[in-house]
Amino acid sequence: MMRSAHIASGLRAPGGGGRTGVIAMRSSRRGITLVELIVALIITALIASAAAATVSQMVKSRNAAAERRAAFQRAERAGMYLLADLREIARDADLVHSRVMVSQSGGNSEILLLVRGERTVRGIDGLPEGADFEVQYRVDPQGRLMRRIDPSLDEAIDGGGIVTTVAEGVGSLSIAASDGESWLEVWDSDTDGLPHAVRIVVQASAPTGGAGRQRSAAYRGVIALDRVPIPVETVESTETTDGGTGA
């Protein structure tokens, strides 16, 4: 008996009874303190905030790219229409049957052309309505690029025909004609002849429903023309022969 009691007393924790050792073990398994919880919440909030900012920036970048693409499509559509008509300018040694007139109005360029080709303007039975057409481009106050085409050649070359909207959101239209040395913003083939080339710059903006920054894009194009030079007036000179009378 005495030996058993001695063994049991040896299993007790030092400095106290067995109950004291159990309490010490339980006290070492403590939970999360309030400070640690607050720190964890702050770190989680920072990570969530950074993730939200990254996603927001990605969405903004995607929307900006889509707006720039839409703006360029508008400008490209306007430019392609202009270049297509410039390729079909009527060329004739008699400048009465050719016309390229570039002018400026309201900060934008305007152009009037005589083009040659078989086209259906009014869509009557799908038949072409002539060989020569008047074509005119201008930007209206609402930012729409307007195209007027008239299959009837008459004295009022700057009126009549059918007007359609080529593109909306056009902020500016710049057209210049080349004389072979410089680009000129005013040109009239009646006095200057056909230009060597025509340069266009169309700037358009994308439709936007918000109050943010409006995206814009530009389309540039240059087309060379098969120029018919202005006829040179020649003066016939009379040659004096040896048999002529002298002073």
Protein backbone atom coordinates (compact mmCIF):
# COMPACT_ATOMS: atom_id res chain seq x y z
CA MET A 1 0.00 0.00 0.00
CA MET A 2 2.69 2.41 0.83
CA ARG A 3 4.40 1.72 -2.46
CA SER A 4 1.20 2.44 -4.43
CA ALA A 5 0.71 5.72 -2.63
CA HIS A 6 4.24 6.70 -3.42
CA ILE A 7 3.74 6.00 -7.11
CA ALA A 8 0.51 7.99 -7.21
CA SER A 9 2.14 10.92 -5.50
CA GLY A 10 4.88 10.86 -8.15
CA LEU A 11 2.35 11.37 -10.95
CA ARG A 12 1.12 14.63 -9.53
CA ALA A 13 2.20 17.91 -11.11
CA PRO A 14 4.94 19.72 -9.26
CA GLY A 15 3.93 22.58 -7.04
CA GLY A 16 0.43 21.34 -6.38
CA GLY A 17 -2.11 18.57 -6.73
CA GLY A 18 -3.32 16.84 -9.92
CA ARG A 19 -6.27 19.26 -10.25
CA THR A 20 -3.90 22.18 -10.50
CA GLY A 21 -2.04 20.56 -13.45
CA VAL A 22 -5.31 20.01 -15.38
CA ILE A 23 -6.30 23.65 -14.91
CA ALA A 24 -2.90 24.75 -16.21
CA MET A 25 -3.34 22.65 -19.39
CA ARG A 26 -6.78 24.05 -20.06
CA SER A 27 -5.65 27.63 -19.58
CA SER A 28 -2.99 27.20 -22.29
CA ARG A 29 -5.70 26.58 -24.93
CA ARG A 30 -6.91 30.18 -25.14
CA GLY A 31 -9.12 31.59 -28.03
CA ILE A 32 -8.65 34.56 -30.43
CA THR A 33 -8.37 37.89 -28.72
CA LEU A 34 -10.35 40.97 -29.75
CA VAL A 35 -7.21 42.68 -31.07
CA GLU A 36 -6.38 39.75 -33.34
CA LEU A 37 -9.96 39.71 -34.66
CA ILE A 38 -9.85 43.42 -35.45
CA VAL A 39 -6.52 43.04 -37.27
CA ALA A 40 -7.89 40.14 -39.32
CA LEU A 41 -10.97 42.16 -40.27
CA ILE A 42 -8.82 45.13 -41.34
CA ILE A 43 -6.62 42.90 -43.55
CA THR A 44 -9.70 41.32 -45.13
CA ALA A 45 -11.19 44.76 -45.81
CA LEU A 46 -7.96 45.95 -47.44
CA ILE A 47 -7.81 42.90 -49.70
CA ALA A 48 -11.47 43.30 -50.68
CA SER A 49 -10.97 47.01 -51.39
CA ALA A 50 -7.93 46.32 -53.58
CA ALA A 51 -9.82 43.60 -55.48
CA ALA A 52 -12.81 45.91 -56.01
CA ALA A 53 -10.55 48.71 -57.29
CA THR A 54 -8.85 46.32 -59.72
CA VAL A 55 -12.17 45.04 -61.07
CA SER A 56 -13.49 48.59 -61.38
CA GLN A 57 -10.40 49.67 -63.32
CA MET A 58 -10.75 46.68 -65.63
CA VAL A 59 -14.40 47.56 -66.33
CA LYS A 60 -13.49 51.19 -67.02
CA SER A 61 -10.70 50.17 -69.39
CA ARG A 62 -13.02 47.80 -71.23
CA ASN A 63 -15.71 50.49 -71.57
CA ALA A 64 -13.15 53.05 -72.74
CA ALA A 65 -11.86 50.66 -75.40
CA ALA A 66 -15.41 49.95 -76.57
CA GLU A 67 -16.16 53.69 -76.80
CA ARG A 68 -12.97 54.37 -78.77
CA ARG A 69 -13.83 51.52 -81.12
CA ALA A 70 -17.35 52.91 -81.63
CA ALA A 71 -15.93 56.40 -82.27
CA PHE A 72 -13.46 55.07 -84.83
CA GLN A 73 -16.20 53.13 -86.60
CA ARG A 74 -18.17 56.36 -87.00
CA ALA A 75 -15.16 58.26 -88.30
CA GLU A 76 -14.18 55.39 -90.59
CA ARG A 77 -17.66 55.17 -92.08
CA ALA A 78 -17.64 58.88 -92.87
CA GLY A 79 -14.13 58.70 -94.34
CA MET A 80 -14.87 55.67 -96.50
CA TYR A 81 -17.90 57.40 -98.04
CA LEU A 82 -15.81 60.45 -98.88
CA LEU A 83 -12.97 58.45 -100.39
CA ALA A 84 -15.37 56.34 -102.46
CA ASP A 85 -16.84 59.46 -104.07
CA LEU A 86 -13.43 61.05 -104.55
CA ARG A 87 -12.31 58.00 -106.52
CA GLU A 88 -15.13 58.58 -109.00
CA ILE A 89 -14.56 62.26 -109.71
CA ALA A 90 -15.50 63.12 -113.26
CA ARG A 91 -12.32 63.86 -115.21
CA ASP A 92 -12.58 65.81 -118.41
CA ALA A 93 -10.31 68.05 -120.41
CA ASP A 94 -13.17 70.54 -120.41
CA LEU A 95 -13.38 71.70 -116.79
CA VAL A 96 -17.05 72.50 -117.25
CA HIS A 97 -17.70 68.77 -116.88
CA SER A 98 -15.47 68.41 -113.80
CA ARG A 99 -15.87 69.95 -110.38
CA VAL A 100 -14.00 69.80 -107.09
CA MET A 101 -14.76 72.65 -104.72
CA VAL A 102 -13.48 72.69 -101.15
CA SER A 103 -14.65 75.44 -98.81
CA GLN A 104 -14.78 76.19 -95.09
CA SER A 105 -17.90 76.89 -93.05
CA GLY A 106 -18.43 76.96 -89.29
CA GLY A 107 -15.01 75.51 -88.54
CA ASN A 108 -15.57 72.49 -90.80
CA SER A 109 -14.79 71.75 -94.41
CA GLU A 110 -17.36 71.28 -97.14
CA ILE A 111 -16.80 69.64 -100.49
CA LEU A 112 -18.77 69.61 -103.73
CA LEU A 113 -17.96 67.06 -106.43
CA LEU A 114 -19.08 65.92 -109.83
CA VAL A 115 -18.75 62.16 -109.88
CA ARG A 116 -19.22 59.73 -112.72
CA GLY A 117 -20.67 56.25 -112.39
CA GLU A 118 -23.84 54.24 -112.64
CA ARG A 119 -25.78 54.61 -109.40
CA THR A 120 -29.30 54.17 -108.14
CA VAL A 121 -30.17 57.24 -106.09
CA ARG A 122 -33.93 57.10 -105.62
CA GLY A 123 -34.20 53.33 -106.01
CA ILE A 124 -36.72 53.38 -108.82
CA ASP A 125 -36.87 49.83 -110.22
CA GLY A 126 -33.22 49.44 -109.23
CA LEU A 127 -32.09 51.19 -112.41
CA PRO A 128 -29.21 53.67 -112.61
CA GLU A 129 -30.33 57.28 -112.98
CA GLY A 130 -27.50 58.69 -115.02
CA ALA A 131 -23.78 58.83 -115.46
CA ASP A 132 -22.89 62.14 -113.75
CA PHE A 133 -23.96 63.12 -110.25
CA GLU A 134 -23.57 66.08 -107.95
CA VAL A 135 -22.27 64.99 -104.52
CA GLN A 136 -21.87 67.34 -101.59
CA TYR A 137 -20.74 66.78 -97.98
CA ARG A 138 -21.18 69.01 -94.96
CA VAL A 139 -21.48 68.72 -91.16
CA ASP A 140 -24.69 70.07 -89.69
CA PRO A 141 -24.95 71.78 -86.26
CA GLN A 142 -25.99 68.48 -84.65
CA GLY A 143 -22.70 66.85 -85.61
CA ARG A 144 -24.09 64.73 -88.44
CA LEU A 145 -22.20 64.31 -91.68
CA MET A 146 -24.75 64.93 -94.42
CA ARG A 147 -24.37 63.72 -97.99
CA ARG A 148 -26.38 65.21 -100.83
CA ILE A 149 -26.50 63.46 -104.19
CA ASP A 150 -28.35 64.73 -107.24
CA PRO A 151 -28.47 62.76 -110.50
CA SER A 152 -29.70 65.80 -112.40
CA LEU A 153 -27.01 68.14 -113.63
CA ASP A 154 -28.43 71.64 -113.83
CA GLU A 155 -27.44 75.22 -113.23
CA ALA A 156 -28.07 74.89 -109.47
CA ILE A 157 -25.13 72.62 -108.86
CA ASP A 158 -25.22 73.15 -105.10
CA GLY A 159 -28.88 72.25 -104.56
CA GLY A 160 -31.46 69.58 -105.18
CA GLY A 161 -31.26 65.84 -104.93
CA ILE A 162 -31.52 63.56 -101.91
CA VAL A 163 -29.86 64.21 -98.54
CA THR A 164 -28.91 61.35 -96.23
CA THR A 165 -27.01 61.07 -92.94
CA VAL A 166 -23.70 59.27 -93.38
CA ALA A 167 -22.49 59.32 -89.76
CA GLU A 168 -23.40 60.89 -86.45
CA GLY A 169 -21.19 62.28 -83.73
CA VAL A 170 -18.82 63.97 -86.19
CA GLY A 171 -16.89 66.60 -84.30
CA SER A 172 -14.86 67.96 -87.18
CA LEU A 173 -14.26 67.45 -90.88
CA SER A 174 -11.06 68.73 -92.45
CA ILE A 175 -10.50 68.54 -96.21
CA ALA A 176 -7.54 69.93 -98.12
CA ALA A 177 -6.52 69.80 -101.78
CA SER A 178 -2.96 69.60 -103.04
CA ASP A 179 -1.52 71.65 -105.86
CA GLY A 180 1.57 69.47 -105.89
CA GLU A 181 3.47 71.61 -103.38
CA SER A 182 1.17 72.41 -100.48
CA TRP A 183 -2.22 71.56 -99.00
CA LEU A 184 -4.92 74.17 -99.46
CA GLU A 185 -8.17 74.38 -97.50
CA VAL A 186 -9.94 76.30 -100.26
CA TRP A 187 -10.04 74.96 -103.79
CA ASP A 188 -12.18 75.47 -106.89
CA SER A 189 -11.47 73.43 -109.98
CA ASP A 190 -13.11 76.06 -112.17
CA THR A 191 -10.08 78.26 -111.61
CA ASP A 192 -7.47 75.88 -110.15
CA GLY A 193 -8.11 72.74 -112.18
CA LEU A 194 -8.35 69.34 -110.57
CA PRO A 195 -6.10 68.92 -107.53
CA HIS A 196 -3.24 66.45 -107.47
CA ALA A 197 -4.66 64.83 -104.33
CA VAL A 198 -7.28 65.31 -101.64
CA ARG A 199 -6.70 64.73 -97.93
CA ILE A 200 -9.49 64.14 -95.42
CA VAL A 201 -9.48 63.99 -91.62
CA VAL A 202 -12.71 63.01 -89.86
CA GLN A 203 -12.97 63.15 -86.09
CA ALA A 204 -15.97 61.51 -84.43
CA SER A 205 -17.06 60.70 -80.90
CA ALA A 206 -18.78 57.66 -79.46
CA PRO A 207 -22.31 57.71 -78.06
CA THR A 208 -22.28 57.82 -74.29
CA GLY A 209 -25.07 57.71 -71.78
CA GLY A 210 -23.12 58.98 -68.80
CA ALA A 211 -21.59 62.26 -67.80
CA GLY A 212 -18.03 61.00 -68.13
CA ARG A 213 -15.40 61.88 -70.65
CA GLN A 214 -16.52 61.44 -74.25
CA ARG A 215 -14.14 59.30 -76.30
CA SER A 216 -13.19 60.37 -79.81
CA ALA A 217 -11.20 58.95 -82.69
CA ALA A 218 -9.95 60.20 -86.05
CA TYR A 219 -9.85 58.68 -89.52
CA ARG A 220 -7.35 60.00 -92.05
CA GLY A 221 -7.12 59.30 -95.74
CA VAL A 222 -5.39 60.65 -98.84
CA ILE A 223 -6.36 59.88 -102.40
CA ALA A 224 -4.40 60.87 -105.49
CA LEU A 225 -6.32 62.04 -108.53
CA ASP A 226 -5.61 61.40 -112.17
CA ARG A 227 -5.36 65.09 -112.79
CA VAL A 228 -6.29 66.70 -116.07
CA PRO A 229 -4.05 69.78 -116.41
CA ILE A 230 -5.46 73.14 -117.29
CA PRO A 231 -5.12 73.75 -121.04
CA VAL A 232 -2.31 76.18 -121.77
CA GLU A 233 -3.25 79.04 -124.05
CA THR A 234 -0.76 79.25 -126.88
CA VAL A 235 -0.06 82.39 -128.85
CA GLU A 236 0.81 81.89 -132.49
CA SER A 237 3.95 83.78 -133.43
CA THR A 238 4.53 85.14 -136.92
CA GLU A 239 7.98 84.55 -138.30
CA THR A 240 9.59 87.14 -140.56
CA THR A 241 10.99 85.66 -143.74
CA ASP A 242 13.92 87.00 -145.71
CA GLY A 243 11.59 88.24 -148.38
CA GLY A 244 9.60 90.34 -146.00
CA THR A 245 9.79 94.08 -145.76
CA GLY A 246 12.02 95.56 -143.13
CA ALA A 247 12.12 98.92 -141.51
